[in-house]
Amino acid sequence: MPKKVLIGVVTSDKMPKTRRVEITRLVKHPRYGKYIRRRTVCYVHDENNESHLGDRVEIIESRPYSRTKRWLLVRVVERSRELKLEKKQEGSSAAASEQE
């Protein structure tokens, strides 16, 4: 049986080599037909600490790494925009302090 491959968003990067990834999906309510947002939380093994908060990542099913970790990070699909903005602001504030 092939291993599952999913794409989700990193919601926590506070643990070393571990990421909390949420996979969101829409489910149709059986009686009312309204679409409801549901999420699945996976704990992912990230050996090199490549991913950070807000990144979109691709994960694959793997052997159990601990009691809760059963997924492995394949790659970072898209970096978080918030981190890019913070780096730009840090650079501009550092340049402004150098001019003073």
PDB file of N, CA and C in Angstrom:
ATOM      1  N   MET A   1       0.834  -1.183   0.000  1.00  0.00           N
ATOM      2  CA  MET A   1       0.000   0.000   0.000  1.00  0.00           C
ATOM      3  C   MET A   1       0.878   1.246   0.000  1.00  0.00           C
ATOM      4  N   PRO A   2       0.612   2.209  -0.893  1.00  0.00           N
ATOM      5  CA  PRO A   2       1.454   3.408  -0.959  1.00  0.00           C
ATOM      6  C   PRO A   2       1.265   4.298   0.266  1.00  0.00           C
ATOM      7  N   LYS A   3       2.315   5.049   0.581  1.00  0.00           N
ATOM      8  CA  LYS A   3       2.260   5.949   1.726  1.00  0.00           C
ATOM      9  C   LYS A   3       1.510   7.219   1.352  1.00  0.00           C
ATOM     10  N   LYS A   4       0.773   7.766   2.310  1.00  0.00           N
ATOM     11  CA  LYS A   4       0.013   8.991   2.078  1.00  0.00           C
ATOM     12  C   LYS A   4       0.955  10.181   2.011  1.00  0.00           C
ATOM     13  N   VAL A   5       0.670  11.097   1.093  1.00  0.00           N
ATOM     14  CA  VAL A   5       1.417  12.347   0.975  1.00  0.00           C
ATOM     15  C   VAL A   5       0.406  13.477   1.089  1.00  0.00           C
ATOM     16  N   LEU A   6       0.627  14.395   2.035  1.00  0.00           N
ATOM     17  CA  LEU A   6      -0.297  15.492   2.280  1.00  0.00           C
ATOM     18  C   LEU A   6       0.435  16.829   2.303  1.00  0.00           C
ATOM     19  N   ILE A   7      -0.326  17.914   2.119  1.00  0.00           N
ATOM     20  CA  ILE A   7       0.234  19.261   2.208  1.00  0.00           C
ATOM     21  C   ILE A   7      -0.532  20.014   3.281  1.00  0.00           C
ATOM     22  N   GLY A   8       0.201  20.658   4.189  1.00  0.00           N
ATOM     23  CA  GLY A   8      -0.428  21.395   5.281  1.00  0.00           C
ATOM     24  C   GLY A   8       0.389  22.597   5.682  1.00  0.00           C
ATOM     25  N   VAL A   9      -0.055  23.269   6.733  1.00  0.00           N
ATOM     26  CA  VAL A   9       0.586  24.486   7.218  1.00  0.00           C
ATOM     27  C   VAL A   9       1.167  24.234   8.602  1.00  0.00           C
ATOM     28  N   VAL A  10       2.401  24.677   8.822  1.00  0.00           N
ATOM     29  CA  VAL A  10       3.056  24.520  10.122  1.00  0.00           C
ATOM     30  C   VAL A  10       2.416  25.498  11.105  1.00  0.00           C
ATOM     31  N   THR A  11       1.896  24.977  12.226  1.00  0.00           N
ATOM     32  CA  THR A  11       1.264  25.833  13.225  1.00  0.00           C
ATOM     33  C   THR A  11       2.092  25.949  14.497  1.00  0.00           C
ATOM     34  N   SER A  12       3.136  25.131  14.639  1.00  0.00           N
ATOM     35  CA  SER A  12       4.015  25.247  15.795  1.00  0.00           C
ATOM     36  C   SER A  12       5.399  24.718  15.426  1.00  0.00           C
ATOM     37  N   ASP A  13       6.424  25.501  15.778  1.00  0.00           N
ATOM     38  CA  ASP A  13       7.802  25.061  15.545  1.00  0.00           C
ATOM     39  C   ASP A  13       8.641  25.214  16.810  1.00  0.00           C
ATOM     40  N   LYS A  14       7.999  25.091  17.967  1.00  0.00           N
ATOM     41  CA  LYS A  14       8.683  25.318  19.245  1.00  0.00           C
ATOM     42  C   LYS A  14       9.501  24.118  19.715  1.00  0.00           C
ATOM     43  N   MET A  15       9.185  22.920  19.210  1.00  0.00           N
ATOM     44  CA  MET A  15       9.898  21.715  19.636  1.00  0.00           C
ATOM     45  C   MET A  15      11.052  21.434  18.689  1.00  0.00           C
ATOM     46  N   PRO A  16      12.182  20.990  19.198  1.00  0.00           N
ATOM     47  CA  PRO A  16      13.300  20.671  18.301  1.00  0.00           C
ATOM     48  C   PRO A  16      12.996  19.430  17.462  1.00  0.00           C
ATOM     49  N   LYS A  17      13.216  19.527  16.150  1.00  0.00           N
ATOM     50  CA  LYS A  17      13.030  18.442  15.181  1.00  0.00           C
ATOM     51  C   LYS A  17      11.586  17.970  15.055  1.00  0.00           C
ATOM     52  N   THR A  18      10.634  18.733  15.567  1.00  0.00           N
ATOM     53  CA  THR A  18       9.223  18.366  15.490  1.00  0.00           C
ATOM     54  C   THR A  18       8.413  19.576  15.062  1.00  0.00           C
ATOM     55  N   ARG A  19       7.465  19.361  14.171  1.00  0.00           N
ATOM     56  CA  ARG A  19       6.564  20.426  13.727  1.00  0.00           C
ATOM     57  C   ARG A  19       5.130  19.944  13.864  1.00  0.00           C
ATOM     58  N   ARG A  20       4.245  20.878  14.212  1.00  0.00           N
ATOM     59  CA  ARG A  20       2.814  20.579  14.263  1.00  0.00           C
ATOM     60  C   ARG A  20       2.222  21.128  12.974  1.00  0.00           C
ATOM     61  N   VAL A  21       1.642  20.256  12.165  1.00  0.00           N
ATOM     62  CA  VAL A  21       1.126  20.640  10.853  1.00  0.00           C
ATOM     63  C   VAL A  21      -0.381  20.399  10.838  1.00  0.00           C
ATOM     64  N   GLU A  22      -1.128  21.421  10.375  1.00  0.00           N
ATOM     65  CA  GLU A  22      -2.576  21.295  10.243  1.00  0.00           C
ATOM     66  C   GLU A  22      -2.947  21.134   8.782  1.00  0.00           C
ATOM     67  N   ILE A  23      -3.801  20.159   8.500  1.00  0.00           N
ATOM     68  CA  ILE A  23      -4.314  19.941   7.159  1.00  0.00           C
ATOM     69  C   ILE A  23      -5.804  20.251   7.219  1.00  0.00           C
ATOM     70  N   THR A  24      -6.232  21.280   6.492  1.00  0.00           N
ATOM     71  CA  THR A  24      -7.641  21.681   6.512  1.00  0.00           C
ATOM     72  C   THR A  24      -8.372  21.085   5.321  1.00  0.00           C
ATOM     73  N   ARG A  25      -9.665  20.819   5.524  1.00  0.00           N
ATOM     74  CA  ARG A  25     -10.490  20.271   4.456  1.00  0.00           C
ATOM     75  C   ARG A  25     -11.926  20.733   4.666  1.00  0.00           C
ATOM     76  N   LEU A  26     -12.717  20.694   3.612  1.00  0.00           N
ATOM     77  CA  LEU A  26     -14.137  21.027   3.693  1.00  0.00           C
ATOM     78  C   LEU A  26     -14.942  19.738   3.611  1.00  0.00           C
ATOM     79  N   VAL A  27     -15.901  19.581   4.528  1.00  0.00           N
ATOM     80  CA  VAL A  27     -16.739  18.397   4.575  1.00  0.00           C
ATOM     81  C   VAL A  27     -18.192  18.843   4.472  1.00  0.00           C
ATOM     82  N   LYS A  28     -18.956  18.187   3.628  1.00  0.00           N
ATOM     83  CA  LYS A  28     -20.364  18.527   3.475  1.00  0.00           C
ATOM     84  C   LYS A  28     -21.180  17.858   4.580  1.00  0.00           C
ATOM     85  N   HIS A  29     -22.001  18.645   5.270  1.00  0.00           N
ATOM     86  CA  HIS A  29     -22.838  18.114   6.337  1.00  0.00           C
ATOM     87  C   HIS A  29     -23.857  17.156   5.716  1.00  0.00           C
ATOM     88  N   PRO A  30     -24.044  15.964   6.280  1.00  0.00           N
ATOM     89  CA  PRO A  30     -24.906  14.968   5.647  1.00  0.00           C
ATOM     90  C   PRO A  30     -26.376  15.390   5.529  1.00  0.00           C
ATOM     91  N   ARG A  31     -26.888  16.116   6.503  1.00  0.00           N
ATOM     92  CA  ARG A  31     -28.304  16.482   6.460  1.00  0.00           C
ATOM     93  C   ARG A  31     -28.535  17.862   5.826  1.00  0.00           C
ATOM     94  N   TYR A  32     -27.746  18.860   6.240  1.00  0.00           N
ATOM     95  CA  TYR A  32     -28.035  20.240   5.846  1.00  0.00           C
ATOM     96  C   TYR A  32     -27.284  20.694   4.605  1.00  0.00           C
ATOM     97  N   GLY A  33     -26.291  19.965   4.192  1.00  0.00           N
ATOM     98  CA  GLY A  33     -25.591  20.290   2.958  1.00  0.00           C
ATOM     99  C   GLY A  33     -24.596  21.427   3.068  1.00  0.00           C
ATOM    100  N   LYS A  34     -24.492  22.016   4.245  1.00  0.00           N
ATOM    101  CA  LYS A  34     -23.549  23.119   4.443  1.00  0.00           C
ATOM    102  C   LYS A  34     -22.132  22.545   4.542  1.00  0.00           C
ATOM    103  N   TYR A  35     -21.166  23.268   3.974  1.00  0.00           N
ATOM    104  CA  TYR A  35     -19.775  22.834   4.048  1.00  0.00           C
ATOM    105  C   TYR A  35     -19.162  23.318   5.348  1.00  0.00           C
ATOM    106  N   ILE A  36     -18.520  22.408   6.052  1.00  0.00           N
ATOM    107  CA  ILE A  36     -17.920  22.691   7.353  1.00  0.00           C
ATOM    108  C   ILE A  36     -16.412  22.527   7.243  1.00  0.00           C
ATOM    109  N   ARG A  37     -15.670  23.441   7.858  1.00  0.00           N
ATOM    110  CA  ARG A  37     -14.212  23.345   7.864  1.00  0.00           C
ATOM    111  C   ARG A  37     -13.763  22.376   8.951  1.00  0.00           C
ATOM    112  N   ARG A  38     -12.981  21.401   8.561  1.00  0.00           N
ATOM    113  CA  ARG A  38     -12.407  20.440   9.504  1.00  0.00           C
ATOM    114  C   ARG A  38     -10.895  20.472   9.362  1.00  0.00           C
ATOM    115  N   ARG A  39     -10.190  20.038  10.393  1.00  0.00           N
ATOM    116  CA  ARG A  39      -8.732  20.018  10.321  1.00  0.00           C
ATOM    117  C   ARG A  39      -8.198  18.733  10.929  1.00  0.00           C
ATOM    118  N   THR A  40      -7.053  18.328  10.415  1.00  0.00           N
ATOM    119  CA  THR A  40      -6.330  17.179  10.940  1.00  0.00           C
ATOM    120  C   THR A  40      -4.982  17.695  11.409  1.00  0.00           C
ATOM    121  N   VAL A  41      -4.579  17.317  12.608  1.00  0.00           N
ATOM    122  CA  VAL A  41      -3.295  17.746  13.153  1.00  0.00           C
ATOM    123  C   VAL A  41      -2.324  16.575  13.088  1.00  0.00           C
ATOM    124  N   CYS A  42      -1.158  16.807  12.477  1.00  0.00           N
ATOM    125  CA  CYS A  42      -0.121  15.784  12.374  1.00  0.00           C
ATOM    126  C   CYS A  42       1.159  16.328  12.992  1.00  0.00           C
ATOM    127  N   TYR A  43       1.847  15.497  13.720  1.00  0.00           N
ATOM    128  CA  TYR A  43       3.158  15.853  14.229  1.00  0.00           C
ATOM    129  C   TYR A  43       4.199  15.268  13.287  1.00  0.00           C
ATOM    130  N   VAL A  44       5.106  16.116  12.810  1.00  0.00           N
ATOM    131  CA  VAL A  44       6.011  15.779  11.723  1.00  0.00           C
ATOM    132  C   VAL A  44       7.452  15.824  12.211  1.00  0.00           C
ATOM    133  N   HIS A  45       8.243  14.857  11.784  1.00  0.00           N
ATOM    134  CA  HIS A  45       9.668  14.847  12.093  1.00  0.00           C
ATOM    135  C   HIS A  45      10.411  15.695  11.063  1.00  0.00           C
ATOM    136  N   ASP A  46      11.093  16.729  11.543  1.00  0.00           N
ATOM    137  CA  ASP A  46      11.864  17.648  10.700  1.00  0.00           C
ATOM    138  C   ASP A  46      13.313  17.605  11.183  1.00  0.00           C
ATOM    139  N   GLU A  47      14.099  16.721  10.603  1.00  0.00           N
ATOM    140  CA  GLU A  47      15.460  16.442  11.080  1.00  0.00           C
ATOM    141  C   GLU A  47      16.346  17.679  11.131  1.00  0.00           C
ATOM    142  N   ASN A  48      16.298  18.530  10.096  1.00  0.00           N
ATOM    143  CA  ASN A  48      17.203  19.681  10.007  1.00  0.00           C
ATOM    144  C   ASN A  48      16.557  21.003  10.403  1.00  0.00           C
ATOM    145  N   ASN A  49      15.375  20.968  10.990  1.00  0.00           N
ATOM    146  CA  ASN A  49      14.641  22.177  11.373  1.00  0.00           C
ATOM    147  C   ASN A  49      14.515  23.155  10.210  1.00  0.00           C
ATOM    148  N   GLU A  50      14.113  22.647   9.034  1.00  0.00           N
ATOM    149  CA  GLU A  50      14.008  23.459   7.820  1.00  0.00           C
ATOM    150  C   GLU A  50      12.769  24.346   7.816  1.00  0.00           C
ATOM    151  N   SER A  51      11.663  23.851   8.349  1.00  0.00           N
ATOM    152  CA  SER A  51      10.396  24.578   8.271  1.00  0.00           C
ATOM    153  C   SER A  51      10.203  25.463   9.495  1.00  0.00           C
ATOM    154  N   HIS A  52       9.377  26.498   9.316  1.00  0.00           N
ATOM    155  CA  HIS A  52       9.083  27.430  10.396  1.00  0.00           C
ATOM    156  C   HIS A  52       7.594  27.734  10.399  1.00  0.00           C
ATOM    157  N   LEU A  53       7.152  28.473  11.384  1.00  0.00           N
ATOM    158  CA  LEU A  53       5.749  28.809  11.572  1.00  0.00           C
ATOM    159  C   LEU A  53       5.156  29.451  10.319  1.00  0.00           C
ATOM    160  N   GLY A  54       4.023  28.931   9.848  1.00  0.00           N
ATOM    161  CA  GLY A  54       3.325  29.500   8.704  1.00  0.00           C
ATOM    162  C   GLY A  54       3.724  28.930   7.362  1.00  0.00           C
ATOM    163  N   ASP A  55       4.757  28.102   7.283  1.00  0.00           N
ATOM    164  CA  ASP A  55       5.196  27.514   6.015  1.00  0.00           C
ATOM    165  C   ASP A  55       4.219  26.431   5.559  1.00  0.00           C
ATOM    166  N   ARG A  56       4.024  26.328   4.235  1.00  0.00           N
ATOM    167  CA  ARG A  56       3.268  25.207   3.653  1.00  0.00           C
ATOM    168  C   ARG A  56       4.283  24.102   3.383  1.00  0.00           C
ATOM    169  N   VAL A  57       3.999  22.897   3.884  1.00  0.00           N
ATOM    170  CA  VAL A  57       4.946  21.796   3.767  1.00  0.00           C
ATOM    171  C   VAL A  57       4.263  20.551   3.209  1.00  0.00           C
ATOM    172  N   GLU A  58       5.074  19.713   2.585  1.00  0.00           N
ATOM    173  CA  GLU A  58       4.619  18.417   2.097  1.00  0.00           C
ATOM    174  C   GLU A  58       5.147  17.364   3.054  1.00  0.00           C
ATOM    175  N   ILE A  59       4.247  16.481   3.524  1.00  0.00           N
ATOM    176  CA  ILE A  59       4.628  15.452   4.484  1.00  0.00           C
ATOM    177  C   ILE A  59       4.225  14.083   3.957  1.00  0.00           C
ATOM    178  N   ILE A  60       4.903  13.054   4.469  1.00  0.00           N
ATOM    179  CA  ILE A  60       4.625  11.683   4.039  1.00  0.00           C
ATOM    180  C   ILE A  60       4.530  10.794   5.277  1.00  0.00           C
ATOM    181  N   GLU A  61       3.698   9.776   5.181  1.00  0.00           N
ATOM    182  CA  GLU A  61       3.553   8.799   6.252  1.00  0.00           C
ATOM    183  C   GLU A  61       4.877   8.072   6.460  1.00  0.00           C
ATOM    184  N   SER A  62       5.211   7.764   7.707  1.00  0.00           N
ATOM    185  CA  SER A  62       6.469   7.056   7.959  1.00  0.00           C
ATOM    186  C   SER A  62       6.336   6.190   9.211  1.00  0.00           C
ATOM    187  N   ARG A  63       7.434   5.615   9.580  1.00  0.00           N
ATOM    188  CA  ARG A  63       7.467   4.802  10.797  1.00  0.00           C
ATOM    189  C   ARG A  63       7.251   5.712  12.006  1.00  0.00           C
ATOM    190  N   PRO A  64       6.810   5.174  13.133  1.00  0.00           N
ATOM    191  CA  PRO A  64       6.646   6.005  14.328  1.00  0.00           C
ATOM    192  C   PRO A  64       7.988   6.494  14.869  1.00  0.00           C
ATOM    193  N   TYR A  65       8.123   7.814  15.009  1.00  0.00           N
ATOM    194  CA  TYR A  65       9.329   8.392  15.592  1.00  0.00           C
ATOM    195  C   TYR A  65       9.170   8.569  17.093  1.00  0.00           C
ATOM    196  N   SER A  66       7.937   8.706  17.562  1.00  0.00           N
ATOM    197  CA  SER A  66       7.645   8.817  18.989  1.00  0.00           C
ATOM    198  C   SER A  66       6.181   8.430  19.180  1.00  0.00           C
ATOM    199  N   ARG A  67       5.639   8.737  20.357  1.00  0.00           N
ATOM    200  CA  ARG A  67       4.252   8.367  20.622  1.00  0.00           C
ATOM    201  C   ARG A  67       3.282   9.070  19.671  1.00  0.00           C
ATOM    202  N   THR A  68       3.585  10.311  19.299  1.00  0.00           N
ATOM    203  CA  THR A  68       2.667  11.076  18.451  1.00  0.00           C
ATOM    204  C   THR A  68       3.175  11.304  17.033  1.00  0.00           C
ATOM    205  N   LYS A  69       4.485  11.265  16.811  1.00  0.00           N
ATOM    206  CA  LYS A  69       5.045  11.562  15.483  1.00  0.00           C
ATOM    207  C   LYS A  69       5.012  10.338  14.579  1.00  0.00           C
ATOM    208  N   ARG A  70       4.241  10.477  13.459  1.00  0.00           N
ATOM    209  CA  ARG A  70       4.169   9.398  12.466  1.00  0.00           C
ATOM    210  C   ARG A  70       4.291   9.925  11.053  1.00  0.00           C
ATOM    211  N   TRP A  71       4.803  11.127  10.903  1.00  0.00           N
ATOM    212  CA  TRP A  71       4.948  11.757   9.594  1.00  0.00           C
ATOM    213  C   TRP A  71       6.363  12.294   9.452  1.00  0.00           C
ATOM    214  N   LEU A  72       6.811  12.420   8.213  1.00  0.00           N
ATOM    215  CA  LEU A  72       8.159  12.903   7.905  1.00  0.00           C
ATOM    216  C   LEU A  72       8.054  14.066   6.924  1.00  0.00           C
ATOM    217  N   LEU A  73       8.841  15.096   7.144  1.00  0.00           N
ATOM    218  CA  LEU A  73       8.850  16.255   6.250  1.00  0.00           C
ATOM    219  C   LEU A  73       9.541  15.889   4.943  1.00  0.00           C
ATOM    220  N   VAL A  74       8.868  16.157   3.814  1.00  0.00           N
ATOM    221  CA  VAL A  74       9.450  15.898   2.501  1.00  0.00           C
ATOM    222  C   VAL A  74      10.136  17.162   1.995  1.00  0.00           C
ATOM    223  N   ARG A  75       9.362  18.280   1.959  1.00  0.00           N
ATOM    224  CA  ARG A  75       9.923  19.541   1.483  1.00  0.00           C
ATOM    225  C   ARG A  75       9.044  20.692   1.938  1.00  0.00           C
ATOM    226  N   VAL A  76       9.621  21.887   1.889  1.00  0.00           N
ATOM    227  CA  VAL A  76       8.870  23.107   2.169  1.00  0.00           C
ATOM    228  C   VAL A  76       8.331  23.601   0.828  1.00  0.00           C
ATOM    229  N   VAL A  77       7.011  23.619   0.678  1.00  0.00           N
ATOM    230  CA  VAL A  77       6.383  24.018  -0.577  1.00  0.00           C
ATOM    231  C   VAL A  77       6.438  25.531  -0.738  1.00  0.00           C
ATOM    232  N   GLU A  78       6.100  26.257   0.338  1.00  0.00           N
ATOM    233  CA  GLU A  78       6.051  27.722   0.275  1.00  0.00           C
ATOM    234  C   GLU A  78       6.441  28.281   1.634  1.00  0.00           C
ATOM    235  N   ARG A  79       7.335  29.261   1.624  1.00  0.00           N
ATOM    236  CA  ARG A  79       7.750  29.913   2.867  1.00  0.00           C
ATOM    237  C   ARG A  79       6.666  30.872   3.336  1.00  0.00           C
ATOM    238  N   SER A  80       6.658  31.150   4.626  1.00  0.00           N
ATOM    239  CA  SER A  80       5.691  32.064   5.210  1.00  0.00           C
ATOM    240  C   SER A  80       5.979  33.494   4.789  1.00  0.00           C
ATOM    241  N   ARG A  81       4.936  34.246   4.478  1.00  0.00           N
ATOM    242  CA  ARG A  81       5.098  35.651   4.094  1.00  0.00           C
ATOM    243  C   ARG A  81       5.442  36.514   5.296  1.00  0.00           C
ATOM    244  N   GLU A  82       4.969  36.143   6.479  1.00  0.00           N
ATOM    245  CA  GLU A  82       5.211  36.925   7.687  1.00  0.00           C
ATOM    246  C   GLU A  82       6.702  37.004   7.996  1.00  0.00           C
ATOM    247  N   LEU A  83       7.424  35.907   7.824  1.00  0.00           N
ATOM    248  CA  LEU A  83       8.856  35.916   8.101  1.00  0.00           C
ATOM    249  C   LEU A  83       9.588  36.823   7.126  1.00  0.00           C
ATOM    250  N   LYS A  84       9.152  36.817   5.857  1.00  0.00           N
ATOM    251  CA  LYS A  84       9.776  37.678   4.857  1.00  0.00           C
ATOM    252  C   LYS A  84       9.596  39.141   5.227  1.00  0.00           C
ATOM    253  N   LEU A  85       8.388  39.492   5.690  1.00  0.00           N
ATOM    254  CA  LEU A  85       8.116  40.871   6.077  1.00  0.00           C
ATOM    255  C   LEU A  85       8.948  41.278   7.288  1.00  0.00           C
ATOM    256  N   GLU A  86       9.092  40.368   8.260  1.00  0.00           N
ATOM    257  CA  GLU A  86       9.890  40.668   9.450  1.00  0.00           C
ATOM    258  C   GLU A  86      11.351  40.905   9.083  1.00  0.00           C
ATOM    259  N   LYS A  87      11.886  40.091   8.178  1.00  0.00           N
ATOM    260  CA  LYS A  87      13.278  40.260   7.772  1.00  0.00           C
ATOM    261  C   LYS A  87      13.484  41.589   7.060  1.00  0.00           C
ATOM    262  N   LYS A  88      12.522  41.994   6.215  1.00  0.00           N
ATOM    263  CA  LYS A  88      12.622  43.271   5.523  1.00  0.00           C
ATOM    264  C   LYS A  88      12.590  44.416   6.520  1.00  0.00           C
ATOM    265  N   GLN A  89      11.705  44.317   7.532  1.00  0.00           N
ATOM    266  CA  GLN A  89      11.602  45.363   8.538  1.00  0.00           C
ATOM    267  C   GLN A  89      12.866  45.446   9.382  1.00  0.00           C
ATOM    268  N   GLU A  90      13.454  44.302   9.718  1.00  0.00           N
ATOM    269  CA  GLU A  90      14.699  44.289  10.484  1.00  0.00           C
ATOM    270  C   GLU A  90      15.820  44.940   9.687  1.00  0.00           C
ATOM    271  N   GLY A  91      15.876  44.629   8.401  1.00  0.00           N
ATOM    272  CA  GLY A  91      16.903  45.203   7.535  1.00  0.00           C
ATOM    273  C   GLY A  91      16.743  46.702   7.411  1.00  0.00           C
ATOM    274  N   SER A  92      15.519  47.183   7.265  1.00  0.00           N
ATOM    275  CA  SER A  92      15.299  48.620   7.105  1.00  0.00           C
ATOM    276  C   SER A  92      15.548  49.346   8.422  1.00  0.00           C
ATOM    277  N   SER A  93      15.224  48.737   9.562  1.00  0.00           N
ATOM    278  CA  SER A  93      15.471  49.381  10.851  1.00  0.00           C
ATOM    279  C   SER A  93      16.957  49.407  11.158  1.00  0.00           C
ATOM    280  N   ALA A  94      17.696  48.368  10.736  1.00  0.00           N
ATOM    281  CA  ALA A  94      19.145  48.341  10.939  1.00  0.00           C
ATOM    282  C   ALA A  94      19.814  49.403  10.080  1.00  0.00           C
ATOM    283  N   ALA A  95      19.334  49.579   8.850  1.00  0.00           N
ATOM    284  CA  ALA A  95      19.885  50.596   7.953  1.00  0.00           C
ATOM    285  C   ALA A  95      19.583  51.994   8.500  1.00  0.00           C
ATOM    286  N   ALA A  96      18.420  52.181   9.077  1.00  0.00           N
ATOM    287  CA  ALA A  96      18.049  53.486   9.633  1.00  0.00           C
ATOM    288  C   ALA A  96      18.900  53.811  10.857  1.00  0.00           C
ATOM    289  N   SER A  97      19.202  52.804  11.686  1.00  0.00           N
ATOM    290  CA  SER A  97      20.023  53.046  12.875  1.00  0.00           C
ATOM    291  C   SER A  97      21.478  53.335  12.485  1.00  0.00           C
ATOM    292  N   GLU A  98      21.950  52.764  11.379  1.00  0.00           N
ATOM    293  CA  GLU A  98      23.305  53.027  10.915  1.00  0.00           C
ATOM    294  C   GLU A  98      23.452  54.466  10.395  1.00  0.00           C
ATOM    295  N   GLN A  99      22.389  55.007   9.804  1.00  0.00           N
ATOM    296  CA  GLN A  99      22.433  56.360   9.273  1.00  0.00           C
ATOM    297  C   GLN A  99      22.459  57.397  10.379  1.00  0.00           C
ATOM    298  N   GLU A 100      21.919  57.067  11.539  1.00  0.00           N
ATOM    299  CA  GLU A 100      21.864  58.021  12.649  1.00  0.00           C
ATOM    300  C   GLU A 100      23.171  58.231  13.324  1.00  0.00           C
TER     301      GLU A 100
END
